[in-house]
Amino acid sequence: MVATAERGAATVAAVTLAYSVTTVMLMVGLSVAGVAGARRLPVPAVARHMEAASGVLIALVGAAVLLLEH
């Protein structure tokens, strides 16, 4: 987006809008695919602990980012 600053505010707005729409569409698509995939798992225990597993995964990714950042 910084590279488009030379071309004016309208170009920056268009690139920002395109980036935002693409990001939201990708996140929604991946979320729907993940939920659809998770619903296919036949084990009821997995369904009961899905929120906890998601939280642990998010925490691990966050810790990895912090560790790899330095």
PDB file of N, CA and C in Angstrom:
ATOM      1  N   MET A   1       0.818  -1.187   0.000  1.00  0.00           N
ATOM      2  CA  MET A   1       0.000   0.000   0.000  1.00  0.00           C
ATOM      3  C   MET A   1       0.863   1.252   0.000  1.00  0.00           C
ATOM      4  N   VAL A   2       1.994   1.163   0.644  1.00  0.00           N
ATOM      5  CA  VAL A   2       2.879   2.331   0.696  1.00  0.00           C
ATOM      6  C   VAL A   2       3.372   2.678  -0.703  1.00  0.00           C
ATOM      7  N   ALA A   3       3.600   1.663  -1.514  1.00  0.00           N
ATOM      8  CA  ALA A   3       4.097   1.910  -2.867  1.00  0.00           C
ATOM      9  C   ALA A   3       3.080   2.665  -3.713  1.00  0.00           C
ATOM     10  N   THR A   4       1.805   2.578  -3.387  1.00  0.00           N
ATOM     11  CA  THR A   4       0.783   3.268  -4.168  1.00  0.00           C
ATOM     12  C   THR A   4       0.593   4.715  -3.742  1.00  0.00           C
ATOM     13  N   ALA A   5       1.238   5.137  -2.682  1.00  0.00           N
ATOM     14  CA  ALA A   5       1.066   6.498  -2.176  1.00  0.00           C
ATOM     15  C   ALA A   5       1.445   7.542  -3.212  1.00  0.00           C
ATOM     16  N   GLU A   6       2.395   7.218  -4.072  1.00  0.00           N
ATOM     17  CA  GLU A   6       2.811   8.158  -5.112  1.00  0.00           C
ATOM     18  C   GLU A   6       1.697   8.416  -6.117  1.00  0.00           C
ATOM     19  N   ARG A   7       0.780   7.490  -6.248  1.00  0.00           N
ATOM     20  CA  ARG A   7      -0.263   7.589  -7.270  1.00  0.00           C
ATOM     21  C   ARG A   7      -1.529   8.281  -6.775  1.00  0.00           C
ATOM     22  N   GLY A   8      -1.561   8.678  -5.516  1.00  0.00           N
ATOM     23  CA  GLY A   8      -2.693   9.439  -5.011  1.00  0.00           C
ATOM     24  C   GLY A   8      -3.573   8.663  -4.050  1.00  0.00           C
ATOM     25  N   ALA A   9      -4.443   9.430  -3.409  1.00  0.00           N
ATOM     26  CA  ALA A   9      -5.308   8.871  -2.373  1.00  0.00           C
ATOM     27  C   ALA A   9      -6.310   7.869  -2.940  1.00  0.00           C
ATOM     28  N   ALA A  10      -6.799   8.104  -4.142  1.00  0.00           N
ATOM     29  CA  ALA A  10      -7.779   7.193  -4.734  1.00  0.00           C
ATOM     30  C   ALA A  10      -7.162   5.823  -4.974  1.00  0.00           C
ATOM     31  N   THR A  11      -5.932   5.781  -5.409  1.00  0.00           N
ATOM     32  CA  THR A  11      -5.256   4.513  -5.648  1.00  0.00           C
ATOM     33  C   THR A  11      -5.004   3.788  -4.335  1.00  0.00           C
ATOM     34  N   VAL A  12      -4.590   4.515  -3.329  1.00  0.00           N
ATOM     35  CA  VAL A  12      -4.378   3.909  -2.012  1.00  0.00           C
ATOM     36  C   VAL A  12      -5.697   3.352  -1.477  1.00  0.00           C
ATOM     37  N   ALA A  13      -6.782   4.097  -1.655  1.00  0.00           N
ATOM     38  CA  ALA A  13      -8.093   3.632  -1.191  1.00  0.00           C
ATOM     39  C   ALA A  13      -8.520   2.380  -1.942  1.00  0.00           C
ATOM     40  N   ALA A  14      -8.292   2.341  -3.248  1.00  0.00           N
ATOM     41  CA  ALA A  14      -8.671   1.170  -4.044  1.00  0.00           C
ATOM     42  C   ALA A  14      -7.867  -0.061  -3.636  1.00  0.00           C
ATOM     43  N   VAL A  15      -6.579   0.103  -3.431  1.00  0.00           N
ATOM     44  CA  VAL A  15      -5.737  -1.026  -3.025  1.00  0.00           C
ATOM     45  C   VAL A  15      -6.127  -1.491  -1.627  1.00  0.00           C
ATOM     46  N   THR A  16      -6.388  -0.558  -0.739  1.00  0.00           N
ATOM     47  CA  THR A  16      -6.799  -0.905   0.621  1.00  0.00           C
ATOM     48  C   THR A  16      -8.127  -1.650   0.609  1.00  0.00           C
ATOM     49  N   LEU A  17      -9.073  -1.192  -0.194  1.00  0.00           N
ATOM     50  CA  LEU A  17     -10.366  -1.850  -0.300  1.00  0.00           C
ATOM     51  C   LEU A  17     -10.204  -3.267  -0.859  1.00  0.00           C
ATOM     52  N   ALA A  18      -9.420  -3.402  -1.911  1.00  0.00           N
ATOM     53  CA  ALA A  18      -9.204  -4.725  -2.508  1.00  0.00           C
ATOM     54  C   ALA A  18      -8.545  -5.675  -1.506  1.00  0.00           C
ATOM     55  N   TYR A  19      -7.563  -5.192  -0.785  1.00  0.00           N
ATOM     56  CA  TYR A  19      -6.873  -6.005   0.212  1.00  0.00           C
ATOM     57  C   TYR A  19      -7.843  -6.416   1.328  1.00  0.00           C
ATOM     58  N   SER A  20      -8.654  -5.490   1.778  1.00  0.00           N
ATOM     59  CA  SER A  20      -9.600  -5.765   2.863  1.00  0.00           C
ATOM     60  C   SER A  20     -10.643  -6.790   2.438  1.00  0.00           C
ATOM     61  N   VAL A  21     -11.218  -6.606   1.262  1.00  0.00           N
ATOM     62  CA  VAL A  21     -12.244  -7.532   0.778  1.00  0.00           C
ATOM     63  C   VAL A  21     -11.651  -8.923   0.591  1.00  0.00           C
ATOM     64  N   THR A  22     -10.461  -8.998   0.012  1.00  0.00           N
ATOM     65  CA  THR A  22      -9.810 -10.281  -0.195  1.00  0.00           C
ATOM     66  C   THR A  22      -9.532 -10.973   1.137  1.00  0.00           C
ATOM     67  N   THR A  23      -9.057 -10.229   2.107  1.00  0.00           N
ATOM     68  CA  THR A  23      -8.752 -10.789   3.422  1.00  0.00           C
ATOM     69  C   THR A  23     -10.013 -11.325   4.098  1.00  0.00           C
ATOM     70  N   VAL A  24     -11.082 -10.548   4.072  1.00  0.00           N
ATOM     71  CA  VAL A  24     -12.328 -10.985   4.712  1.00  0.00           C
ATOM     72  C   VAL A  24     -12.879 -12.220   4.012  1.00  0.00           C
ATOM     73  N   MET A  25     -12.859 -12.227   2.673  1.00  0.00           N
ATOM     74  CA  MET A  25     -13.361 -13.386   1.932  1.00  0.00           C
ATOM     75  C   MET A  25     -12.541 -14.634   2.245  1.00  0.00           C
ATOM     76  N   LEU A  26     -11.231 -14.487   2.329  1.00  0.00           N
ATOM     77  CA  LEU A  26     -10.367 -15.625   2.640  1.00  0.00           C
ATOM     78  C   LEU A  26     -10.629 -16.138   4.047  1.00  0.00           C
ATOM     79  N   MET A  27     -10.757 -15.250   5.010  1.00  0.00           N
ATOM     80  CA  MET A  27     -10.999 -15.670   6.385  1.00  0.00           C
ATOM     81  C   MET A  27     -12.353 -16.371   6.524  1.00  0.00           C
ATOM     82  N   VAL A  28     -13.383 -15.840   5.880  1.00  0.00           N
ATOM     83  CA  VAL A  28     -14.700 -16.474   5.952  1.00  0.00           C
ATOM     84  C   VAL A  28     -14.654 -17.834   5.267  1.00  0.00           C
ATOM     85  N   GLY A  29     -14.022 -17.901   4.104  1.00  0.00           N
ATOM     86  CA  GLY A  29     -13.923 -19.170   3.385  1.00  0.00           C
ATOM     87  C   GLY A  29     -13.184 -20.229   4.178  1.00  0.00           C
ATOM     88  N   LEU A  30     -12.067 -19.844   4.782  1.00  0.00           N
ATOM     89  CA  LEU A  30     -11.306 -20.805   5.588  1.00  0.00           C
ATOM     90  C   LEU A  30     -12.075 -21.221   6.835  1.00  0.00           C
ATOM     91  N   SER A  31     -12.798 -20.295   7.421  1.00  0.00           N
ATOM     92  CA  SER A  31     -13.596 -20.636   8.602  1.00  0.00           C
ATOM     93  C   SER A  31     -14.707 -21.617   8.249  1.00  0.00           C
ATOM     94  N   VAL A  32     -15.392 -21.363   7.142  1.00  0.00           N
ATOM     95  CA  VAL A  32     -16.461 -22.262   6.713  1.00  0.00           C
ATOM     96  C   VAL A  32     -15.888 -23.645   6.386  1.00  0.00           C
ATOM     97  N   ALA A  33     -14.767 -23.674   5.686  1.00  0.00           N
ATOM     98  CA  ALA A  33     -14.138 -24.953   5.357  1.00  0.00           C
ATOM     99  C   ALA A  33     -13.700 -25.688   6.622  1.00  0.00           C
ATOM    100  N   GLY A  34     -13.170 -24.973   7.585  1.00  0.00           N
ATOM    101  CA  GLY A  34     -12.743 -25.592   8.838  1.00  0.00           C
ATOM    102  C   GLY A  34     -13.901 -26.163   9.625  1.00  0.00           C
ATOM    103  N   VAL A  35     -14.990 -25.413   9.697  1.00  0.00           N
ATOM    104  CA  VAL A  35     -16.169 -25.900  10.417  1.00  0.00           C
ATOM    105  C   VAL A  35     -16.763 -27.103   9.695  1.00  0.00           C
ATOM    106  N   ALA A  36     -16.835 -27.029   8.374  1.00  0.00           N
ATOM    107  CA  ALA A  36     -17.376 -28.152   7.601  1.00  0.00           C
ATOM    108  C   ALA A  36     -16.508 -29.404   7.797  1.00  0.00           C
ATOM    109  N   GLY A  37     -15.208 -29.213   7.810  1.00  0.00           N
ATOM    110  CA  GLY A  37     -14.309 -30.346   8.036  1.00  0.00           C
ATOM    111  C   GLY A  37     -14.422 -30.899   9.434  1.00  0.00           C
ATOM    112  N   ALA A  38     -14.537 -30.024  10.405  1.00  0.00           N
ATOM    113  CA  ALA A  38     -14.638 -30.465  11.793  1.00  0.00           C
ATOM    114  C   ALA A  38     -15.939 -31.218  12.050  1.00  0.00           C
ATOM    115  N   ARG A  39     -16.988 -30.844  11.356  1.00  0.00           N
ATOM    116  CA  ARG A  39     -18.276 -31.527  11.545  1.00  0.00           C
ATOM    117  C   ARG A  39     -18.257 -32.941  10.993  1.00  0.00           C
ATOM    118  N   ARG A  40     -17.317 -33.238  10.142  1.00  0.00           N
ATOM    119  CA  ARG A  40     -17.218 -34.588   9.580  1.00  0.00           C
ATOM    120  C   ARG A  40     -16.528 -35.559  10.538  1.00  0.00           C
ATOM    121  N   LEU A  41     -15.884 -35.034  11.572  1.00  0.00           N
ATOM    122  CA  LEU A  41     -15.216 -35.911  12.527  1.00  0.00           C
ATOM    123  C   LEU A  41     -16.271 -36.629  13.354  1.00  0.00           C
ATOM    124  N   PRO A  42     -16.246 -37.949  13.348  1.00  0.00           N
ATOM    125  CA  PRO A  42     -17.305 -38.698  14.018  1.00  0.00           C
ATOM    126  C   PRO A  42     -17.158 -38.811  15.530  1.00  0.00           C
ATOM    127  N   VAL A  43     -16.049 -38.400  16.071  1.00  0.00           N
ATOM    128  CA  VAL A  43     -15.797 -38.601  17.492  1.00  0.00           C
ATOM    129  C   VAL A  43     -16.438 -37.467  18.295  1.00  0.00           C
ATOM    130  N   PRO A  44     -17.413 -37.763  19.149  1.00  0.00           N
ATOM    131  CA  PRO A  44     -18.072 -36.712  19.941  1.00  0.00           C
ATOM    132  C   PRO A  44     -17.111 -35.987  20.881  1.00  0.00           C
ATOM    133  N   ALA A  45     -16.078 -36.676  21.359  1.00  0.00           N
ATOM    134  CA  ALA A  45     -15.123 -36.043  22.273  1.00  0.00           C
ATOM    135  C   ALA A  45     -14.391 -34.899  21.583  1.00  0.00           C
ATOM    136  N   VAL A  46     -14.150 -35.042  20.304  1.00  0.00           N
ATOM    137  CA  VAL A  46     -13.475 -33.977  19.564  1.00  0.00           C
ATOM    138  C   VAL A  46     -14.347 -32.734  19.533  1.00  0.00           C
ATOM    139  N   ALA A  47     -15.629 -32.913  19.302  1.00  0.00           N
ATOM    140  CA  ALA A  47     -16.555 -31.785  19.244  1.00  0.00           C
ATOM    141  C   ALA A  47     -16.648 -31.069  20.589  1.00  0.00           C
ATOM    142  N   ARG A  48     -16.576 -31.832  21.667  1.00  0.00           N
ATOM    143  CA  ARG A  48     -16.674 -31.217  22.995  1.00  0.00           C
ATOM    144  C   ARG A  48     -15.472 -30.349  23.323  1.00  0.00           C
ATOM    145  N   HIS A  49     -14.322 -30.674  22.780  1.00  0.00           N
ATOM    146  CA  HIS A  49     -13.095 -29.971  23.140  1.00  0.00           C
ATOM    147  C   HIS A  49     -12.556 -29.081  22.016  1.00  0.00           C
ATOM    148  N   MET A  50     -13.362 -28.824  20.993  1.00  0.00           N
ATOM    149  CA  MET A  50     -12.904 -28.049  19.847  1.00  0.00           C
ATOM    150  C   MET A  50     -12.513 -26.619  20.227  1.00  0.00           C
ATOM    151  N   GLU A  51     -13.297 -25.975  21.089  1.00  0.00           N
ATOM    152  CA  GLU A  51     -12.983 -24.598  21.482  1.00  0.00           C
ATOM    153  C   GLU A  51     -11.665 -24.533  22.249  1.00  0.00           C
ATOM    154  N   ALA A  52     -11.456 -25.479  23.139  1.00  0.00           N
ATOM    155  CA  ALA A  52     -10.212 -25.513  23.903  1.00  0.00           C
ATOM    156  C   ALA A  52      -9.023 -25.782  22.988  1.00  0.00           C
ATOM    157  N   ALA A  53      -9.199 -26.687  22.042  1.00  0.00           N
ATOM    158  CA  ALA A  53      -8.115 -26.986  21.101  1.00  0.00           C
ATOM    159  C   ALA A  53      -7.790 -25.767  20.243  1.00  0.00           C
ATOM    160  N   SER A  54      -8.808 -25.034  19.829  1.00  0.00           N
ATOM    161  CA  SER A  54      -8.586 -23.817  19.046  1.00  0.00           C
ATOM    162  C   SER A  54      -7.814 -22.783  19.860  1.00  0.00           C
ATOM    163  N   GLY A  55      -8.197 -22.620  21.109  1.00  0.00           N
ATOM    164  CA  GLY A  55      -7.505 -21.670  21.970  1.00  0.00           C
ATOM    165  C   GLY A  55      -6.049 -22.042  22.180  1.00  0.00           C
ATOM    166  N   VAL A  56      -5.788 -23.317  22.396  1.00  0.00           N
ATOM    167  CA  VAL A  56      -4.404 -23.776  22.570  1.00  0.00           C
ATOM    168  C   VAL A  56      -3.605 -23.549  21.286  1.00  0.00           C
ATOM    169  N   LEU A  57      -4.199 -23.843  20.151  1.00  0.00           N
ATOM    170  CA  LEU A  57      -3.511 -23.632  18.874  1.00  0.00           C
ATOM    171  C   LEU A  57      -3.188 -22.161  18.659  1.00  0.00           C
ATOM    172  N   ILE A  58      -4.120 -21.290  18.952  1.00  0.00           N
ATOM    173  CA  ILE A  58      -3.885 -19.850  18.803  1.00  0.00           C
ATOM    174  C   ILE A  58      -2.771 -19.398  19.733  1.00  0.00           C
ATOM    175  N   ALA A  59      -2.775 -19.887  20.960  1.00  0.00           N
ATOM    176  CA  ALA A  59      -1.728 -19.521  21.916  1.00  0.00           C
ATOM    177  C   ALA A  59      -0.362 -20.018  21.456  1.00  0.00           C
ATOM    178  N   LEU A  60      -0.309 -21.239  20.925  1.00  0.00           N
ATOM    179  CA  LEU A  60       0.957 -21.783  20.436  1.00  0.00           C
ATOM    180  C   LEU A  60       1.497 -20.994  19.246  1.00  0.00           C
ATOM    181  N   VAL A  61       0.611 -20.618  18.342  1.00  0.00           N
ATOM    182  CA  VAL A  61       1.050 -19.814  17.196  1.00  0.00           C
ATOM    183  C   VAL A  61       1.558 -18.454  17.674  1.00  0.00           C
ATOM    184  N   GLY A  62       0.870 -17.861  18.626  1.00  0.00           N
ATOM    185  CA  GLY A  62       1.310 -16.590  19.179  1.00  0.00           C
ATOM    186  C   GLY A  62       2.675 -16.703  19.841  1.00  0.00           C
ATOM    187  N   ALA A  63       2.876 -17.766  20.606  1.00  0.00           N
ATOM    188  CA  ALA A  63       4.175 -17.990  21.256  1.00  0.00           C
ATOM    189  C   ALA A  63       5.276 -18.216  20.215  1.00  0.00           C
ATOM    190  N   ALA A  64       4.952 -18.969  19.162  1.00  0.00           N
ATOM    191  CA  ALA A  64       5.943 -19.204  18.111  1.00  0.00           C
ATOM    192  C   ALA A  64       6.331 -17.907  17.409  1.00  0.00           C
ATOM    193  N   VAL A  65       5.358 -17.053  17.161  1.00  0.00           N
ATOM    194  CA  VAL A  65       5.640 -15.764  16.524  1.00  0.00           C
ATOM    195  C   VAL A  65       6.540 -14.932  17.424  1.00  0.00           C
ATOM    196  N   LEU A  66       6.235 -14.895  18.726  1.00  0.00           N
ATOM    197  CA  LEU A  66       7.076 -14.127  19.660  1.00  0.00           C
ATOM    198  C   LEU A  66       8.493 -14.677  19.718  1.00  0.00           C
ATOM    199  N   LEU A  67       8.624 -15.992  19.729  1.00  0.00           N
ATOM    200  CA  LEU A  67       9.965 -16.599  19.812  1.00  0.00           C
ATOM    201  C   LEU A  67      10.761 -16.425  18.527  1.00  0.00           C
ATOM    202  N   LEU A  68      10.100 -16.537  17.401  1.00  0.00           N
ATOM    203  CA  LEU A  68      10.787 -16.440  16.116  1.00  0.00           C
ATOM    204  C   LEU A  68      11.028 -14.994  15.683  1.00  0.00           C
ATOM    205  N   GLU A  69      10.401 -14.083  16.364  1.00  0.00           N
ATOM    206  CA  GLU A  69      10.528 -12.670  16.020  1.00  0.00           C
ATOM    207  C   GLU A  69      11.927 -12.136  16.317  1.00  0.00           C
ATOM    208  N   HIS A  70      12.600 -12.703  17.283  1.00  0.00           N
ATOM    209  CA  HIS A  70      13.906 -12.177  17.699  1.00  0.00           C
ATOM    210  C   HIS A  70      15.032 -12.900  17.066  1.00  0.00           C
TER     211      HIS A  70
END
